Amino acid sequence: MLKFKTYQLFIFLAGPFILAMSYPFIAIAITGRFELPTMVSIVYIWLIILYSWFLENLVRMNKLLDENLKLSGKISIVFGIIGLIGISIILPPVMLRFLAGIFERLQIIGIILLLLSSFGNFFIARTIAKNMRTLELSREAIVKEYLGEFLLIWFFPIGIWVIHPRIKKILGLERDIA
């Protein structure tokens, strides 16, 4: 995904997200009914694309870091996989709105998975931002130095335009104009 130009990555990431959010309205307007499994499938596609971009960035930047800083990247990769699995488990029951009380006994497990997935997402975004600034500064970055990058990654559709070219430059990939 790092070989994509910025606008291609933006379309690739934002397209499924926008489609998933607008699918209920489009489906009801065209067919008169809404099929939840279709929307869940679109959300899964978006999650896989987003997490693969995150994990590719983590793995490639982790290779360029000093040995004492690599642990954070490895932990982030594990949290990324746990987060994706957690969201994959949480998403169907949430989308089904806990119908008929089936999932009432499993709500505590769902809450734990939700918190773990949320923490994993924050940790991934933080690690990518910190690794990026660390590689740019050639020393370990502190929080105030990478907070802006963290927020850009967290609000991914906007942040892609700023973060993606910088990551490509850090990794020595071709620079695109976007």
N, C-alpha and C. Protein backbone atom coordinates (compact mmCIF):
# COMPACT_ATOMS: atom_id res chain seq x y z
N MET A 1 0.81 -1.20 0.00
CA MET A 1 0.00 0.00 0.00
C MET A 1 0.85 1.26 0.00
N LEU A 2 2.09 1.13 0.42
CA LEU A 2 2.96 2.30 0.42
C LEU A 2 3.38 2.69 -0.98
N LYS A 3 3.14 1.81 -1.95
CA LYS A 3 3.47 2.14 -3.33
C LYS A 3 2.39 3.01 -3.98
N PHE A 4 1.23 3.07 -3.34
CA PHE A 4 0.15 3.89 -3.88
C PHE A 4 0.51 5.36 -3.77
N LYS A 5 0.00 6.13 -4.70
CA LYS A 5 0.09 7.58 -4.56
C LYS A 5 -0.93 7.99 -3.49
N THR A 6 -0.78 9.19 -2.98
CA THR A 6 -1.61 9.62 -1.86
C THR A 6 -3.09 9.60 -2.21
N TYR A 7 -3.45 10.12 -3.38
CA TYR A 7 -4.87 10.15 -3.74
C TYR A 7 -5.41 8.74 -3.93
N GLN A 8 -4.59 7.80 -4.43
CA GLN A 8 -5.04 6.42 -4.59
C GLN A 8 -5.31 5.78 -3.22
N LEU A 9 -4.40 6.01 -2.29
CA LEU A 9 -4.60 5.47 -0.95
C LEU A 9 -5.83 6.09 -0.29
N PHE A 10 -6.02 7.38 -0.49
CA PHE A 10 -7.19 8.06 0.08
C PHE A 10 -8.47 7.42 -0.46
N ILE A 11 -8.55 7.22 -1.76
CA ILE A 11 -9.73 6.60 -2.37
C ILE A 11 -9.90 5.18 -1.86
N PHE A 12 -8.79 4.46 -1.77
CA PHE A 12 -8.81 3.07 -1.33
C PHE A 12 -9.28 2.94 0.12
N LEU A 13 -8.92 3.90 0.97
CA LEU A 13 -9.32 3.86 2.37
C LEU A 13 -10.66 4.54 2.63
N ALA A 14 -10.87 5.69 2.02
CA ALA A 14 -12.10 6.44 2.30
C ALA A 14 -13.29 5.89 1.53
N GLY A 15 -13.05 5.29 0.37
CA GLY A 15 -14.15 4.77 -0.45
C GLY A 15 -15.02 3.75 0.27
N PRO A 16 -14.45 2.65 0.77
CA PRO A 16 -15.27 1.67 1.49
C PRO A 16 -15.92 2.25 2.75
N PHE A 17 -15.22 3.16 3.42
CA PHE A 17 -15.77 3.78 4.63
C PHE A 17 -17.02 4.59 4.28
N ILE A 18 -16.92 5.42 3.26
CA ILE A 18 -18.06 6.24 2.84
C ILE A 18 -19.19 5.35 2.32
N LEU A 19 -18.83 4.31 1.57
CA LEU A 19 -19.84 3.38 1.06
C LEU A 19 -20.57 2.68 2.20
N ALA A 20 -19.83 2.25 3.22
CA ALA A 20 -20.46 1.57 4.35
C ALA A 20 -21.40 2.49 5.11
N MET A 21 -21.01 3.75 5.26
CA MET A 21 -21.85 4.69 6.01
C MET A 21 -23.08 5.12 5.20
N SER A 22 -22.97 5.13 3.89
CA SER A 22 -24.10 5.56 3.06
C SER A 22 -24.92 4.38 2.54
N TYR A 23 -24.43 3.16 2.74
CA TYR A 23 -25.13 1.98 2.21
C TYR A 23 -26.59 1.87 2.67
N PRO A 24 -26.91 2.06 3.95
CA PRO A 24 -28.32 1.93 4.34
C PRO A 24 -29.25 2.86 3.56
N PHE A 25 -28.83 4.09 3.35
CA PHE A 25 -29.66 5.05 2.63
C PHE A 25 -29.79 4.68 1.16
N ILE A 26 -28.68 4.27 0.56
CA ILE A 26 -28.70 3.89 -0.85
C ILE A 26 -29.54 2.64 -1.06
N ALA A 27 -29.35 1.63 -0.19
CA ALA A 27 -30.09 0.37 -0.33
C ALA A 27 -31.58 0.58 -0.16
N ILE A 28 -31.98 1.37 0.81
CA ILE A 28 -33.41 1.62 1.02
C ILE A 28 -33.99 2.43 -0.13
N ALA A 29 -33.24 3.39 -0.63
CA ALA A 29 -33.74 4.21 -1.74
C ALA A 29 -33.90 3.39 -3.02
N ILE A 30 -32.99 2.46 -3.27
CA ILE A 30 -33.03 1.71 -4.53
C ILE A 30 -33.93 0.48 -4.42
N THR A 31 -33.73 -0.35 -3.39
CA THR A 31 -34.45 -1.61 -3.30
C THR A 31 -35.59 -1.60 -2.29
N GLY A 32 -35.62 -0.62 -1.42
CA GLY A 32 -36.67 -0.56 -0.41
C GLY A 32 -36.37 -1.40 0.81
N ARG A 33 -35.22 -2.06 0.85
CA ARG A 33 -34.86 -2.84 2.03
C ARG A 33 -33.35 -2.73 2.27
N PHE A 34 -32.98 -3.04 3.49
CA PHE A 34 -31.59 -2.91 3.92
C PHE A 34 -31.10 -4.26 4.40
N GLU A 35 -29.99 -4.73 3.84
CA GLU A 35 -29.43 -6.01 4.25
C GLU A 35 -28.17 -5.78 5.08
N LEU A 36 -28.26 -6.14 6.35
CA LEU A 36 -27.16 -5.92 7.28
C LEU A 36 -25.89 -6.68 6.91
N PRO A 37 -25.96 -7.93 6.46
CA PRO A 37 -24.72 -8.64 6.11
C PRO A 37 -23.89 -7.93 5.04
N THR A 38 -24.55 -7.26 4.12
CA THR A 38 -23.82 -6.52 3.09
C THR A 38 -23.05 -5.37 3.70
N MET A 39 -23.68 -4.65 4.61
CA MET A 39 -23.00 -3.53 5.26
C MET A 39 -21.83 -4.02 6.11
N VAL A 40 -22.03 -5.11 6.84
CA VAL A 40 -20.96 -5.67 7.65
C VAL A 40 -19.79 -6.09 6.77
N SER A 41 -20.07 -6.66 5.61
CA SER A 41 -19.01 -7.05 4.67
C SER A 41 -18.22 -5.85 4.19
N ILE A 42 -18.90 -4.76 3.90
CA ILE A 42 -18.21 -3.54 3.46
C ILE A 42 -17.33 -2.99 4.58
N VAL A 43 -17.84 -3.01 5.80
CA VAL A 43 -17.06 -2.53 6.95
C VAL A 43 -15.83 -3.42 7.16
N TYR A 44 -15.99 -4.74 7.01
CA TYR A 44 -14.84 -5.64 7.14
C TYR A 44 -13.79 -5.35 6.08
N ILE A 45 -14.21 -5.10 4.85
CA ILE A 45 -13.25 -4.76 3.78
C ILE A 45 -12.48 -3.51 4.16
N TRP A 46 -13.20 -2.48 4.64
CA TRP A 46 -12.54 -1.24 5.05
C TRP A 46 -11.56 -1.48 6.19
N LEU A 47 -11.96 -2.28 7.18
CA LEU A 47 -11.08 -2.56 8.31
C LEU A 47 -9.82 -3.30 7.88
N ILE A 48 -9.96 -4.25 6.99
CA ILE A 48 -8.79 -4.99 6.51
C ILE A 48 -7.85 -4.07 5.76
N ILE A 49 -8.37 -3.19 4.93
CA ILE A 49 -7.53 -2.24 4.20
C ILE A 49 -6.83 -1.29 5.18
N LEU A 50 -7.57 -0.74 6.13
CA LEU A 50 -6.99 0.20 7.09
C LEU A 50 -5.92 -0.46 7.94
N TYR A 51 -6.22 -1.63 8.48
CA TYR A 51 -5.25 -2.31 9.33
C TYR A 51 -4.03 -2.78 8.53
N SER A 52 -4.20 -3.17 7.28
CA SER A 52 -3.03 -3.57 6.50
C SER A 52 -2.14 -2.37 6.23
N TRP A 53 -2.72 -1.17 6.06
CA TRP A 53 -1.90 0.04 5.90
C TRP A 53 -1.15 0.33 7.20
N PHE A 54 -1.87 0.25 8.32
CA PHE A 54 -1.23 0.45 9.63
C PHE A 54 -0.08 -0.53 9.83
N LEU A 55 -0.36 -1.81 9.62
CA LEU A 55 0.64 -2.83 9.90
C LEU A 55 1.82 -2.75 8.94
N GLU A 56 1.58 -2.41 7.68
CA GLU A 56 2.69 -2.25 6.74
C GLU A 56 3.59 -1.10 7.18
N ASN A 57 2.99 0.00 7.60
CA ASN A 57 3.79 1.12 8.11
C ASN A 57 4.59 0.71 9.34
N LEU A 58 3.95 0.01 10.26
CA LEU A 58 4.65 -0.41 11.48
C LEU A 58 5.83 -1.33 11.16
N VAL A 59 5.61 -2.32 10.32
CA VAL A 59 6.66 -3.29 10.02
C VAL A 59 7.82 -2.61 9.30
N ARG A 60 7.53 -1.79 8.31
CA ARG A 60 8.61 -1.14 7.55
C ARG A 60 9.39 -0.13 8.39
N MET A 61 8.69 0.66 9.19
CA MET A 61 9.40 1.63 10.03
C MET A 61 10.15 0.94 11.16
N ASN A 62 9.62 -0.16 11.65
CA ASN A 62 10.27 -0.89 12.73
C ASN A 62 11.64 -1.42 12.29
N LYS A 63 11.77 -1.76 11.01
CA LYS A 63 13.05 -2.25 10.49
C LYS A 63 14.13 -1.17 10.51
N LEU A 64 13.74 0.09 10.45
CA LEU A 64 14.70 1.19 10.41
C LEU A 64 15.08 1.71 11.80
N LEU A 65 14.37 1.27 12.82
CA LEU A 65 14.62 1.78 14.18
C LEU A 65 15.78 1.06 14.86
N ASP A 66 16.33 1.71 15.88
CA ASP A 66 17.35 1.07 16.72
C ASP A 66 16.72 -0.09 17.48
N GLU A 67 17.56 -1.00 17.93
CA GLU A 67 17.07 -2.18 18.65
C GLU A 67 16.26 -1.84 19.90
N ASN A 68 16.67 -0.80 20.62
CA ASN A 68 15.97 -0.46 21.87
C ASN A 68 14.59 0.15 21.63
N LEU A 69 14.29 0.58 20.41
CA LEU A 69 12.99 1.16 20.10
C LEU A 69 12.07 0.19 19.37
N LYS A 70 12.58 -0.96 18.96
CA LYS A 70 11.79 -1.91 18.17
C LYS A 70 10.69 -2.60 18.97
N LEU A 71 10.84 -2.71 20.27
CA LEU A 71 9.86 -3.41 21.09
C LEU A 71 8.48 -2.78 20.97
N SER A 72 8.42 -1.46 20.97
CA SER A 72 7.14 -0.76 20.85
C SER A 72 6.45 -1.11 19.54
N GLY A 73 7.22 -1.21 18.47
CA GLY A 73 6.65 -1.57 17.17
C GLY A 73 6.13 -2.99 17.15
N LYS A 74 6.86 -3.91 17.77
CA LYS A 74 6.41 -5.30 17.82
C LYS A 74 5.14 -5.44 18.66
N ILE A 75 5.09 -4.71 19.76
CA ILE A 75 3.88 -4.73 20.60
C ILE A 75 2.71 -4.15 19.82
N SER A 76 2.95 -3.10 19.05
CA SER A 76 1.88 -2.48 18.25
C SER A 76 1.35 -3.44 17.20
N ILE A 77 2.23 -4.23 16.61
CA ILE A 77 1.78 -5.20 15.62
C ILE A 77 0.85 -6.21 16.28
N VAL A 78 1.22 -6.68 17.46
CA VAL A 78 0.37 -7.62 18.19
C VAL A 78 -0.96 -6.96 18.54
N PHE A 79 -0.92 -5.71 19.05
CA PHE A 79 -2.16 -5.00 19.37
C PHE A 79 -3.00 -4.75 18.12
N GLY A 80 -2.35 -4.53 17.00
CA GLY A 80 -3.08 -4.33 15.75
C GLY A 80 -3.86 -5.56 15.35
N ILE A 81 -3.23 -6.71 15.47
CA ILE A 81 -3.90 -7.96 15.13
C ILE A 81 -5.01 -8.25 16.15
N ILE A 82 -4.73 -8.03 17.43
CA ILE A 82 -5.76 -8.22 18.46
C ILE A 82 -6.92 -7.26 18.24
N GLY A 83 -6.61 -6.01 17.89
CA GLY A 83 -7.66 -5.03 17.63
C GLY A 83 -8.54 -5.42 16.46
N LEU A 84 -7.92 -5.90 15.38
CA LEU A 84 -8.70 -6.31 14.22
C LEU A 84 -9.58 -7.51 14.56
N ILE A 85 -9.03 -8.47 15.27
CA ILE A 85 -9.82 -9.64 15.67
C ILE A 85 -10.94 -9.21 16.63
N GLY A 86 -10.61 -8.33 17.57
CA GLY A 86 -11.62 -7.86 18.52
C GLY A 86 -12.76 -7.14 17.83
N ILE A 87 -12.43 -6.26 16.90
CA ILE A 87 -13.48 -5.54 16.17
C ILE A 87 -14.29 -6.51 15.33
N SER A 88 -13.63 -7.52 14.75
CA SER A 88 -14.34 -8.51 13.94
C SER A 88 -15.33 -9.31 14.78
N ILE A 89 -14.99 -9.54 16.04
CA ILE A 89 -15.90 -10.27 16.93
C ILE A 89 -17.02 -9.36 17.42
N ILE A 90 -16.69 -8.10 17.71
CA ILE A 90 -17.66 -7.16 18.26
C ILE A 90 -18.66 -6.69 17.21
N LEU A 91 -18.21 -6.49 15.99
CA LEU A 91 -19.03 -5.83 14.97
C LEU A 91 -20.38 -6.50 14.71
N PRO A 92 -20.46 -7.80 14.46
CA PRO A 92 -21.79 -8.38 14.18
C PRO A 92 -22.80 -8.20 15.30
N PRO A 93 -22.46 -8.47 16.58
CA PRO A 93 -23.47 -8.25 17.62
C PRO A 93 -23.88 -6.79 17.74
N VAL A 94 -22.93 -5.88 17.58
CA VAL A 94 -23.27 -4.46 17.66
C VAL A 94 -24.20 -4.09 16.51
N MET A 95 -23.89 -4.59 15.33
CA MET A 95 -24.71 -4.28 14.17
C MET A 95 -26.11 -4.89 14.32
N LEU A 96 -26.21 -6.00 15.00
CA LEU A 96 -27.51 -6.63 15.20
C LEU A 96 -28.25 -6.06 16.40
N ARG A 97 -27.62 -5.08 17.08
CA ARG A 97 -28.22 -4.35 18.20
C ARG A 97 -28.65 -5.28 19.34
N PHE A 98 -27.86 -6.31 19.56
CA PHE A 98 -28.13 -7.25 20.65
C PHE A 98 -29.59 -7.74 20.63
N LEU A 99 -30.01 -8.21 19.47
CA LEU A 99 -31.39 -8.64 19.28
C LEU A 99 -31.82 -9.73 20.26
N ALA A 100 -33.02 -9.59 20.75
CA ALA A 100 -33.71 -10.58 21.57
C ALA A 100 -32.93 -10.99 22.82
N GLY A 101 -32.03 -10.15 23.27
CA GLY A 101 -31.30 -10.44 24.50
C GLY A 101 -30.32 -11.60 24.40
N ILE A 102 -30.04 -12.06 23.20
CA ILE A 102 -29.14 -13.20 23.02
C ILE A 102 -27.76 -12.92 23.61
N PHE A 103 -27.31 -11.70 23.43
CA PHE A 103 -25.94 -11.37 23.80
C PHE A 103 -25.82 -10.71 25.18
N GLU A 104 -26.90 -10.72 25.96
CA GLU A 104 -26.86 -10.05 27.26
C GLU A 104 -25.80 -10.65 28.17
N ARG A 105 -25.65 -11.96 28.14
CA ARG A 105 -24.66 -12.60 28.99
C ARG A 105 -23.24 -12.35 28.50
N LEU A 106 -23.10 -12.02 27.24
CA LEU A 106 -21.78 -11.82 26.66
C LEU A 106 -21.38 -10.35 26.61
N GLN A 107 -22.19 -9.48 27.20
CA GLN A 107 -21.89 -8.05 27.11
C GLN A 107 -20.58 -7.69 27.78
N ILE A 108 -20.24 -8.31 28.89
CA ILE A 108 -18.99 -7.98 29.57
C ILE A 108 -17.79 -8.37 28.69
N ILE A 109 -17.90 -9.50 28.01
CA ILE A 109 -16.83 -9.90 27.08
C ILE A 109 -16.75 -8.90 25.93
N GLY A 110 -17.90 -8.48 25.44
CA GLY A 110 -17.93 -7.48 24.38
C GLY A 110 -17.31 -6.16 24.80
N ILE A 111 -17.59 -5.75 26.03
CA ILE A 111 -17.02 -4.50 26.54
C ILE A 111 -15.50 -4.62 26.66
N ILE A 112 -15.03 -5.76 27.16
CA ILE A 112 -13.59 -5.98 27.28
C ILE A 112 -12.94 -5.96 25.90
N LEU A 113 -13.54 -6.65 24.93
CA LEU A 113 -12.99 -6.64 23.56
C LEU A 113 -13.01 -5.24 22.96
N LEU A 114 -14.07 -4.50 23.22
CA LEU A 114 -14.16 -3.14 22.71
C LEU A 114 -13.06 -2.26 23.29
N LEU A 115 -12.85 -2.35 24.60
CA LEU A 115 -11.79 -1.56 25.24
C LEU A 115 -10.41 -1.98 24.75
N LEU A 116 -10.19 -3.28 24.61
CA LEU A 116 -8.91 -3.76 24.12
C LEU A 116 -8.66 -3.32 22.68
N SER A 117 -9.70 -3.39 21.84
CA SER A 117 -9.56 -2.94 20.45
C SER A 117 -9.31 -1.44 20.38
N SER A 118 -10.01 -0.68 21.20
CA SER A 118 -9.81 0.77 21.21
C SER A 118 -8.39 1.11 21.66
N PHE A 119 -7.92 0.46 22.71
CA PHE A 119 -6.55 0.68 23.16
C PHE A 119 -5.56 0.30 22.07
N GLY A 120 -5.82 -0.83 21.41
CA GLY A 120 -4.94 -1.25 20.32
C GLY A 120 -4.88 -0.23 19.20
N ASN A 121 -6.03 0.34 18.85
CA ASN A 121 -6.06 1.36 17.79
C ASN A 121 -5.28 2.60 18.19
N PHE A 122 -5.47 3.06 19.41
CA PHE A 122 -4.70 4.22 19.89
C PHE A 122 -3.21 3.91 19.91
N PHE A 123 -2.86 2.72 20.36
CA PHE A 123 -1.45 2.36 20.46
C PHE A 123 -0.80 2.26 19.08
N ILE A 124 -1.53 1.73 18.10
CA ILE A 124 -1.01 1.65 16.74
C ILE A 124 -0.76 3.05 16.19
N ALA A 125 -1.76 3.92 16.31
CA ALA A 125 -1.62 5.29 15.79
C ALA A 125 -0.49 6.01 16.50
N ARG A 126 -0.38 5.83 17.80
CA ARG A 126 0.71 6.46 18.57
C ARG A 126 2.07 5.94 18.13
N THR A 127 2.17 4.63 17.93
CA THR A 127 3.46 4.05 17.56
C THR A 127 3.88 4.47 16.16
N ILE A 128 2.94 4.51 15.22
CA ILE A 128 3.28 4.97 13.87
C ILE A 128 3.75 6.42 13.93
N ALA A 129 3.02 7.26 14.67
CA ALA A 129 3.41 8.68 14.78
C ALA A 129 4.77 8.82 15.46
N LYS A 130 4.98 8.08 16.53
CA LYS A 130 6.26 8.19 17.24
C LYS A 130 7.41 7.67 16.39
N ASN A 131 7.21 6.53 15.73
CA ASN A 131 8.26 5.99 14.86
C ASN A 131 8.59 6.95 13.73
N MET A 132 7.56 7.56 13.16
CA MET A 132 7.77 8.50 12.06
C MET A 132 8.61 9.69 12.53
N ARG A 133 8.24 10.28 13.65
CA ARG A 133 9.01 11.43 14.17
C ARG A 133 10.40 11.02 14.64
N THR A 134 10.51 9.83 15.21
CA THR A 134 11.83 9.35 15.64
C THR A 134 12.75 9.19 14.44
N LEU A 135 12.25 8.63 13.35
CA LEU A 135 13.07 8.47 12.16
C LEU A 135 13.40 9.81 11.51
N GLU A 136 12.47 10.76 11.57
CA GLU A 136 12.73 12.10 11.01
C GLU A 136 13.77 12.85 11.84
N LEU A 137 13.69 12.73 13.16
CA LEU A 137 14.57 13.49 14.05
C LEU A 137 15.89 12.77 14.34
N SER A 138 15.97 11.49 14.00
CA SER A 138 17.15 10.65 14.28
C SER A 138 17.44 10.55 15.78
N ARG A 139 16.40 10.64 16.58
CA ARG A 139 16.48 10.43 18.03
C ARG A 139 15.07 10.08 18.49
N GLU A 140 14.95 9.58 19.71
CA GLU A 140 13.63 9.21 20.20
C GLU A 140 12.77 10.46 20.41
N ALA A 141 11.60 10.45 19.79
CA ALA A 141 10.68 11.59 19.88
C ALA A 141 9.91 11.55 21.19
N ILE A 142 9.59 12.73 21.71
CA ILE A 142 8.75 12.82 22.90
C ILE A 142 7.33 13.16 22.47
N VAL A 143 6.39 13.05 23.39
CA VAL A 143 4.97 13.15 23.07
C VAL A 143 4.62 14.44 22.33
N LYS A 144 5.10 15.57 22.79
CA LYS A 144 4.71 16.83 22.15
C LYS A 144 5.24 16.93 20.72
N GLU A 145 6.25 16.13 20.37
CA GLU A 145 6.80 16.17 19.02
C GLU A 145 5.99 15.32 18.04
N TYR A 146 5.27 14.33 18.52
CA TYR A 146 4.51 13.48 17.60
C TYR A 146 3.00 13.52 17.83
N LEU A 147 2.52 14.40 18.68
CA LEU A 147 1.09 14.49 18.95
C LEU A 147 0.29 14.88 17.71
N GLY A 148 0.81 15.81 16.93
CA GLY A 148 0.12 16.22 15.70
C GLY A 148 0.00 15.08 14.70
N GLU A 149 1.06 14.31 14.54
CA GLU A 149 1.02 13.16 13.64
C GLU A 149 0.03 12.11 14.14
N PHE A 150 0.00 11.92 15.45
CA PHE A 150 -0.95 10.98 16.04
C PHE A 150 -2.39 11.36 15.67
N LEU A 151 -2.71 12.64 15.83
CA LEU A 151 -4.07 13.10 15.51
C LEU A 151 -4.36 12.97 14.02
N LEU A 152 -3.38 13.23 13.18
CA LEU A 152 -3.58 13.07 11.74
C LEU A 152 -3.84 11.61 11.38
N ILE A 153 -3.14 10.70 12.02
CA ILE A 153 -3.37 9.28 11.76
C ILE A 153 -4.72 8.86 12.32
N TRP A 154 -5.07 9.38 13.48
CA TRP A 154 -6.35 9.01 14.10
C TRP A 154 -7.52 9.46 13.23
N PHE A 155 -7.46 10.65 12.67
CA PHE A 155 -8.49 11.14 11.76
C PHE A 155 -8.02 10.86 10.34
N PHE A 156 -8.00 9.55 9.99
CA PHE A 156 -7.29 9.05 8.84
C PHE A 156 -7.64 9.66 7.49
N PRO A 157 -8.87 9.99 7.16
CA PRO A 157 -9.09 10.50 5.79
C PRO A 157 -8.32 11.78 5.51
N ILE A 158 -8.26 12.66 6.50
CA ILE A 158 -7.55 13.92 6.31
C ILE A 158 -6.05 13.71 6.47
N GLY A 159 -5.68 12.92 7.44
CA GLY A 159 -4.27 12.71 7.74
C GLY A 159 -3.48 12.01 6.66
N ILE A 160 -4.17 11.23 5.82
CA ILE A 160 -3.48 10.52 4.75
C ILE A 160 -2.73 11.49 3.85
N TRP A 161 -3.32 12.64 3.58
CA TRP A 161 -2.71 13.60 2.66
C TRP A 161 -1.40 14.15 3.20
N VAL A 162 -1.25 14.17 4.51
CA VAL A 162 -0.02 14.70 5.12
C VAL A 162 0.93 13.57 5.49
N ILE A 163 0.41 12.52 6.07
CA ILE A 163 1.24 11.46 6.63
C ILE A 163 1.84 10.55 5.56
N HIS A 164 1.05 10.14 4.59
CA HIS A 164 1.50 9.15 3.61
C HIS A 164 2.75 9.60 2.84
N PRO A 165 2.78 10.83 2.29
CA PRO A 165 4.01 11.24 1.59
C PRO A 165 5.23 11.29 2.52
N ARG A 166 5.02 11.69 3.76
CA ARG A 166 6.14 11.74 4.72
C ARG A 166 6.65 10.35 5.04
N ILE A 167 5.75 9.39 5.19
CA ILE A 167 6.17 8.02 5.47
C ILE A 167 6.94 7.46 4.28
N LYS A 168 6.45 7.73 3.07
CA LYS A 168 7.16 7.27 1.88
C LYS A 168 8.55 7.88 1.80
N LYS A 169 8.68 9.14 2.15
CA LYS A 169 9.98 9.81 2.13
C LYS A 169 10.91 9.19 3.18
N ILE A 170 10.40 8.94 4.37
CA ILE A 170 11.21 8.34 5.44
C ILE A 170 11.69 6.96 5.04
N LEU A 171 10.83 6.19 4.40
CA LEU A 171 11.18 4.83 4.02
C LEU A 171 12.00 4.77 2.74
N GLY A 172 12.22 5.91 2.11
CA GLY A 172 13.04 5.95 0.90
C GLY A 172 12.30 5.51 -0.34
N LEU A 173 10.98 5.51 -0.29
CA LEU A 173 10.19 5.18 -1.47
C LEU A 173 10.03 6.44 -2.30
N GLU A 174 9.57 6.28 -3.53
CA GLU A 174 9.43 7.45 -4.40
C GLU A 174 8.49 8.47 -3.78
N ARG A 175 8.75 9.71 -3.99
CA ARG A 175 7.92 10.80 -3.45
C ARG A 175 6.88 11.15 -4.49
N ASP A 176 5.60 11.18 -4.08
CA ASP A 176 4.56 11.59 -5.01
C ASP A 176 4.10 12.99 -4.68
N ILE A 177 3.47 13.62 -5.64
CA ILE A 177 2.97 14.97 -5.45
C ILE A 177 1.47 14.88 -5.28
N ALA A 178 1.00 15.25 -4.10
CA ALA A 178 -0.43 15.18 -3.84
C ALA A 178 -0.82 16.25 -2.86
